[in-house]
């Protein structure tokens, strides 16, 4: 039986919600910082990571559109690295670590990142700071592409008709 081992760790900082040094730091930036440092400490290239699994209990507002994928991209991992977000409330980060280990043990992945992030300052407010992450607006606006836009891009890039996509779905 295969085994999974933790070869590197890094964590997001802890601060006081609504005040303090990280009050206006997006969860994507916090998670990206932890991922980048864990990858660097492991002595691997970002492209060697096969999947990033991240938990967040409040996947809304700034934390909503696949926080795992956004944190991976903020970490500088290439677009080819997948991301999956989990919500298990108070155990989201632990569940993501367990799921990453399962992918190594049972699914044949060589390298997966598991962890979690939460920014209460960005989600538990009356307006939930719904705006997009400014870094992504400037550097990777494609992250906010709708599923329909994605399907049309795939169709054009790979010559797959909309009808063929609909048949497969």
Foldseek 3Di string as FASTA:
>chain_A
DDFDDQQFWFAFDDDDDPDDDCNPPQQLLRLLVGVLVRCVSSVHALQLAAEEEEEEQQCAAQNPLQSQLSNSVSVVRDPNHYYHYDHPDPCRQVVQVVVQRCCVVPVVRDHYHTGYTYHCSQAVDPVSNRDYDVVCVVPPVVSPPDPVNVVVVCCVVVVNDPVNVVVVD
